[in-house]
Amino acid sequence: MGETIQDGKFVELTYTVTDAKSGQVLAGVEFPLGYVHGHNEILAPSVHRELQGRRAGDVIEVPLDGNRIFGPRDESLVFTDHLANVPDEYRQVGVSILMESDSGQTRSFVVTRVDDEMLTVDGNNPLCGRDVVFRLEVLTVRDAAGDETKAGGAIAAANPVVDPALLRPL
């Protein structure tokens, strides 16, 4: 019998996020994501609660209301502009653009549409306004090393980079 997930345990897992209505996979990690449970809340708090007490080999599904976690969709965060006004490096669907408001606040926008004349960007979190299901597979549960606890996760360079917009609730 293996160790269970609890505060102070190093956990590695993979996950996918699926739209509950369409079944479309919206996000996920290809390589294991490592964190120290209770020290580094990298996913929504309700997902961390569901992981508590699980073991390596467990696969769980956690349904989430994207509106509750990421807020409702705000159409005022969707902008369309003439392609001629947009630098070439931003003219591809999926490209992230960091924009700053007049008051100095920054927000990440994603290019969602490009055609021959216009480009559309969206500043909404891609999960807001959707019912989603996190499917998680627990790969490793063990005592965290001291340096892992300080860092909140794996120290190795192999720890993946994950889109923070998909992880942090507002």
C-alpha atoms as a PDB file:
ATOM      1  CA  MET A   1       0.000   0.000   0.000  1.00  0.00           C
ATOM      2  CA  GLY A   2       1.476   3.377  -1.045  1.00  0.00           C
ATOM      3  CA  GLU A   3       1.556   6.723   0.648  1.00  0.00           C
ATOM      4  CA  THR A   4      -1.486   8.992   0.518  1.00  0.00           C
ATOM      5  CA  ILE A   5      -1.577  12.596  -0.609  1.00  0.00           C
ATOM      6  CA  GLN A   6      -1.492  14.953   2.347  1.00  0.00           C
ATOM      7  CA  ASP A   7       0.223  18.202   3.263  1.00  0.00           C
ATOM      8  CA  GLY A   8       3.984  17.998   2.812  1.00  0.00           C
ATOM      9  CA  LYS A   9       3.905  15.140   0.292  1.00  0.00           C
ATOM     10  CA  PHE A  10       5.532  15.507  -3.111  1.00  0.00           C
ATOM     11  CA  VAL A  11       2.978  14.613  -5.792  1.00  0.00           C
ATOM     12  CA  GLU A  12       3.429  14.041  -9.515  1.00  0.00           C
ATOM     13  CA  LEU A  13       0.403  13.833 -11.756  1.00  0.00           C
ATOM     14  CA  THR A  14      -0.881  14.354 -15.245  1.00  0.00           C
ATOM     15  CA  TYR A  15      -4.235  15.849 -16.115  1.00  0.00           C
ATOM     16  CA  THR A  16      -6.564  16.833 -18.892  1.00  0.00           C
ATOM     17  CA  VAL A  17      -9.343  19.395 -18.799  1.00  0.00           C
ATOM     18  CA  THR A  18     -12.379  18.492 -20.889  1.00  0.00           C
ATOM     19  CA  ASP A  19     -15.461  20.523 -21.782  1.00  0.00           C
ATOM     20  CA  ALA A  20     -18.306  18.697 -20.005  1.00  0.00           C
ATOM     21  CA  LYS A  21     -20.793  19.351 -22.827  1.00  0.00           C
ATOM     22  CA  SER A  22     -18.736  18.685 -25.948  1.00  0.00           C
ATOM     23  CA  GLY A  23     -16.094  16.300 -24.580  1.00  0.00           C
ATOM     24  CA  GLN A  24     -13.409  18.446 -26.259  1.00  0.00           C
ATOM     25  CA  VAL A  25     -10.038  18.392 -24.493  1.00  0.00           C
ATOM     26  CA  LEU A  26      -9.256  22.030 -23.646  1.00  0.00           C
ATOM     27  CA  ALA A  27      -5.961  21.730 -21.794  1.00  0.00           C
ATOM     28  CA  GLY A  28      -3.635  19.336 -20.088  1.00  0.00           C
ATOM     29  CA  VAL A  29      -0.071  18.413 -19.301  1.00  0.00           C
ATOM     30  CA  GLU A  30       1.880  15.932 -21.368  1.00  0.00           C
ATOM     31  CA  PHE A  31       4.687  15.469 -18.846  1.00  0.00           C
ATOM     32  CA  PRO A  32       4.187  14.871 -15.110  1.00  0.00           C
ATOM     33  CA  LEU A  33       3.534  17.977 -13.064  1.00  0.00           C
ATOM     34  CA  GLY A  34       5.210  17.904  -9.647  1.00  0.00           C
ATOM     35  CA  TYR A  35       4.234  19.939  -6.585  1.00  0.00           C
ATOM     36  CA  VAL A  36       4.272  19.768  -2.792  1.00  0.00           C
ATOM     37  CA  HIS A  37       0.734  19.284  -1.516  1.00  0.00           C
ATOM     38  CA  GLY A  38      -0.345  22.023   0.869  1.00  0.00           C
ATOM     39  CA  HIS A  39       2.605  24.242  -0.074  1.00  0.00           C
ATOM     40  CA  ASN A  40       1.970  25.003  -3.711  1.00  0.00           C
ATOM     41  CA  GLU A  41      -1.648  25.205  -4.769  1.00  0.00           C
ATOM     42  CA  ILE A  42      -1.133  24.988  -8.520  1.00  0.00           C
ATOM     43  CA  LEU A  43      -4.651  23.865  -9.408  1.00  0.00           C
ATOM     44  CA  ALA A  44      -8.069  25.014  -8.244  1.00  0.00           C
ATOM     45  CA  PRO A  45      -8.609  24.495  -4.483  1.00  0.00           C
ATOM     46  CA  SER A  46     -11.489  22.081  -5.133  1.00  0.00           C
ATOM     47  CA  VAL A  47      -9.147  19.887  -7.213  1.00  0.00           C
ATOM     48  CA  HIS A  48      -6.569  19.858  -4.390  1.00  0.00           C
ATOM     49  CA  ARG A  49      -9.299  18.836  -1.925  1.00  0.00           C
ATOM     50  CA  GLU A  50     -10.244  15.888  -4.152  1.00  0.00           C
ATOM     51  CA  LEU A  51      -6.600  14.795  -4.361  1.00  0.00           C
ATOM     52  CA  GLN A  52      -6.267  14.636  -0.557  1.00  0.00           C
ATOM     53  CA  GLY A  53      -5.986  10.996   0.551  1.00  0.00           C
ATOM     54  CA  ARG A  54      -5.380   9.615  -2.968  1.00  0.00           C
ATOM     55  CA  ARG A  55      -2.519   7.276  -3.864  1.00  0.00           C
ATOM     56  CA  ALA A  56      -0.201   6.710  -6.823  1.00  0.00           C
ATOM     57  CA  GLY A  57      -2.202   4.935  -9.528  1.00  0.00           C
ATOM     58  CA  ASP A  58      -5.497   6.627  -8.652  1.00  0.00           C
ATOM     59  CA  VAL A  59      -7.384   8.308 -11.489  1.00  0.00           C
ATOM     60  CA  ILE A  60     -10.076  10.786 -10.528  1.00  0.00           C
ATOM     61  CA  GLU A  61     -12.454  13.103 -12.339  1.00  0.00           C
ATOM     62  CA  VAL A  62     -13.404  16.430 -10.775  1.00  0.00           C
ATOM     63  CA  PRO A  63     -16.238  18.425 -12.373  1.00  0.00           C
ATOM     64  CA  LEU A  64     -15.854  22.203 -12.069  1.00  0.00           C
ATOM     65  CA  ASP A  65     -17.996  25.200 -12.910  1.00  0.00           C
ATOM     66  CA  GLY A  66     -15.664  27.492 -14.847  1.00  0.00           C
ATOM     67  CA  ASN A  67     -17.829  30.500 -13.960  1.00  0.00           C
ATOM     68  CA  ARG A  68     -17.316  29.839 -10.268  1.00  0.00           C
ATOM     69  CA  ILE A  69     -13.556  29.378 -10.543  1.00  0.00           C
ATOM     70  CA  PHE A  70     -12.601  31.818 -13.298  1.00  0.00           C
ATOM     71  CA  GLY A  71     -15.606  34.141 -13.344  1.00  0.00           C
ATOM     72  CA  PRO A  72     -18.220  34.671 -16.037  1.00  0.00           C
ATOM     73  CA  ARG A  73     -17.230  35.409 -19.602  1.00  0.00           C
ATOM     74  CA  ASP A  74     -16.761  39.150 -20.240  1.00  0.00           C
ATOM     75  CA  GLU A  75     -17.362  40.107 -23.878  1.00  0.00           C
ATOM     76  CA  SER A  76     -15.729  43.502 -23.276  1.00  0.00           C
ATOM     77  CA  LEU A  77     -12.405  41.585 -23.189  1.00  0.00           C
ATOM     78  CA  VAL A  78     -12.794  40.503 -26.827  1.00  0.00           C
ATOM     79  CA  PHE A  79     -11.233  42.851 -29.403  1.00  0.00           C
ATOM     80  CA  THR A  80     -11.028  42.789 -33.187  1.00  0.00           C
ATOM     81  CA  ASP A  81      -8.589  44.902 -35.185  1.00  0.00           C
ATOM     82  CA  HIS A  82      -7.435  45.241 -38.784  1.00  0.00           C
ATOM     83  CA  LEU A  83      -4.580  42.880 -39.556  1.00  0.00           C
ATOM     84  CA  ALA A  84      -2.515  45.817 -40.829  1.00  0.00           C
ATOM     85  CA  ASN A  85      -2.405  47.181 -37.237  1.00  0.00           C
ATOM     86  CA  VAL A  86      -1.007  43.943 -35.787  1.00  0.00           C
ATOM     87  CA  PRO A  87       2.684  42.933 -35.848  1.00  0.00           C
ATOM     88  CA  ASP A  88       3.433  39.758 -37.837  1.00  0.00           C
ATOM     89  CA  GLU A  89       4.479  37.755 -34.742  1.00  0.00           C
ATOM     90  CA  TYR A  90       0.911  38.001 -33.336  1.00  0.00           C
ATOM     91  CA  ARG A  91      -0.902  36.845 -36.477  1.00  0.00           C
ATOM     92  CA  GLN A  92      -1.426  33.223 -35.428  1.00  0.00           C
ATOM     93  CA  VAL A  93      -4.287  31.611 -33.503  1.00  0.00           C
ATOM     94  CA  GLY A  94      -3.162  30.621 -30.007  1.00  0.00           C
ATOM     95  CA  VAL A  95      -0.471  33.272 -29.627  1.00  0.00           C
ATOM     96  CA  SER A  96      -0.552  34.982 -26.222  1.00  0.00           C
ATOM     97  CA  ILE A  97      -0.213  38.771 -26.065  1.00  0.00           C
ATOM     98  CA  LEU A  98       0.402  40.646 -22.813  1.00  0.00           C
ATOM     99  CA  MET A  99      -1.420  43.996 -22.912  1.00  0.00           C
ATOM    100  CA  GLU A 100      -1.393  46.905 -20.491  1.00  0.00           C
ATOM    101  CA  SER A 101      -4.359  49.165 -19.743  1.00  0.00           C
ATOM    102  CA  ASP A 102      -4.160  52.946 -19.332  1.00  0.00           C
ATOM    103  CA  SER A 103      -4.071  52.372 -15.566  1.00  0.00           C
ATOM    104  CA  GLY A 104      -1.024  50.073 -15.833  1.00  0.00           C
ATOM    105  CA  GLN A 105      -2.799  46.755 -15.251  1.00  0.00           C
ATOM    106  CA  THR A 106      -1.631  43.870 -17.437  1.00  0.00           C
ATOM    107  CA  ARG A 107      -3.707  41.022 -18.821  1.00  0.00           C
ATOM    108  CA  SER A 108      -2.912  38.174 -21.153  1.00  0.00           C
ATOM    109  CA  PHE A 109      -4.961  37.981 -24.351  1.00  0.00           C
ATOM    110  CA  VAL A 110      -5.003  35.048 -26.764  1.00  0.00           C
ATOM    111  CA  VAL A 111      -5.423  35.343 -30.519  1.00  0.00           C
ATOM    112  CA  THR A 112      -8.616  33.412 -31.275  1.00  0.00           C
ATOM    113  CA  ARG A 113      -9.243  34.253 -34.930  1.00  0.00           C
ATOM    114  CA  VAL A 114      -7.271  35.486 -37.926  1.00  0.00           C
ATOM    115  CA  ASP A 115      -8.600  35.977 -41.441  1.00  0.00           C
ATOM    116  CA  ASP A 116      -7.444  37.959 -44.486  1.00  0.00           C
ATOM    117  CA  GLU A 117      -8.415  41.305 -42.954  1.00  0.00           C
ATOM    118  CA  MET A 118      -9.047  41.023 -39.207  1.00  0.00           C
ATOM    119  CA  LEU A 119      -7.554  39.551 -36.026  1.00  0.00           C
ATOM    120  CA  THR A 120      -9.504  38.801 -32.817  1.00  0.00           C
ATOM    121  CA  VAL A 121      -8.023  38.521 -29.309  1.00  0.00           C
ATOM    122  CA  ASP A 122      -9.765  37.356 -26.140  1.00  0.00           C
ATOM    123  CA  GLY A 123      -8.735  38.287 -22.578  1.00  0.00           C
ATOM    124  CA  ASN A 124     -11.093  35.814 -20.891  1.00  0.00           C
ATOM    125  CA  ASN A 125      -9.688  32.738 -19.224  1.00  0.00           C
ATOM    126  CA  PRO A 126     -10.299  29.890 -21.703  1.00  0.00           C
ATOM    127  CA  LEU A 127     -12.217  27.942 -19.031  1.00  0.00           C
ATOM    128  CA  CYS A 128     -14.595  30.701 -17.895  1.00  0.00           C
ATOM    129  CA  GLY A 129     -18.206  30.176 -18.843  1.00  0.00           C
ATOM    130  CA  ARG A 130     -17.741  26.423 -19.247  1.00  0.00           C
ATOM    131  CA  ASP A 131     -18.479  23.362 -17.194  1.00  0.00           C
ATOM    132  CA  VAL A 132     -15.267  21.351 -17.276  1.00  0.00           C
ATOM    133  CA  VAL A 133     -13.955  18.054 -15.962  1.00  0.00           C
ATOM    134  CA  PHE A 134     -10.409  17.704 -14.644  1.00  0.00           C
ATOM    135  CA  ARG A 135      -9.231  14.103 -15.134  1.00  0.00           C
ATOM    136  CA  LEU A 136      -6.136  13.525 -13.017  1.00  0.00           C
ATOM    137  CA  GLU A 137      -3.843  10.525 -12.801  1.00  0.00           C
ATOM    138  CA  VAL A 138      -1.665  10.388  -9.698  1.00  0.00           C
ATOM    139  CA  LEU A 139       1.770   9.029 -10.623  1.00  0.00           C
ATOM    140  CA  THR A 140       3.904   9.580  -7.501  1.00  0.00           C
ATOM    141  CA  VAL A 141       3.287  10.274  -3.813  1.00  0.00           C
ATOM    142  CA  ARG A 142       6.273  10.488  -1.467  1.00  0.00           C
ATOM    143  CA  ASP A 143       7.777  12.601   1.280  1.00  0.00           C
ATOM    144  CA  ALA A 144       8.971  15.923  -0.107  1.00  0.00           C
ATOM    145  CA  ALA A 145      12.655  16.759   0.211  1.00  0.00           C
ATOM    146  CA  GLY A 146      13.509  19.948   2.104  1.00  0.00           C
ATOM    147  CA  ASP A 147      14.487  21.856  -1.023  1.00  0.00           C
ATOM    148  CA  GLU A 148      11.266  20.729  -2.754  1.00  0.00           C
ATOM    149  CA  THR A 149       9.210  22.010   0.179  1.00  0.00           C
ATOM    150  CA  LYS A 150      10.984  25.383   0.022  1.00  0.00           C
ATOM    151  CA  ALA A 151      10.453  25.598  -3.748  1.00  0.00           C
ATOM    152  CA  GLY A 152       6.900  24.202  -3.623  1.00  0.00           C
ATOM    153  CA  GLY A 153       7.674  21.570  -6.244  1.00  0.00           C
ATOM    154  CA  ALA A 154      10.231  19.619  -8.202  1.00  0.00           C
ATOM    155  CA  ILE A 155      13.716  21.085  -8.429  1.00  0.00           C
ATOM    156  CA  ALA A 156      14.708  19.324 -11.683  1.00  0.00           C
ATOM    157  CA  ALA A 157      14.678  21.295 -14.929  1.00  0.00           C
ATOM    158  CA  ALA A 158      12.265  18.701 -16.333  1.00  0.00           C
ATOM    159  CA  ASN A 159       9.329  20.215 -14.436  1.00  0.00           C
ATOM    160  CA  PRO A 160       6.955  21.395 -17.216  1.00  0.00           C
ATOM    161  CA  VAL A 161       5.855  24.927 -17.895  1.00  0.00           C
ATOM    162  CA  VAL A 162       2.075  25.119 -17.626  1.00  0.00           C
ATOM    163  CA  ASP A 163      -0.135  27.955 -18.820  1.00  0.00           C
ATOM    164  CA  PRO A 164      -0.803  29.829 -15.540  1.00  0.00           C
ATOM    165  CA  ALA A 165      -4.132  31.094 -16.855  1.00  0.00           C
ATOM    166  CA  LEU A 166      -5.442  27.544 -16.648  1.00  0.00           C
ATOM    167  CA  LEU A 167      -4.279  26.970 -13.114  1.00  0.00           C
ATOM    168  CA  ARG A 168      -5.042  29.961 -10.949  1.00  0.00           C
ATOM    169  CA  PRO A 169      -8.590  30.896  -9.976  1.00  0.00           C
ATOM    170  CA  LEU A 170      -9.369  34.608  -9.848  1.00  0.00           C
END
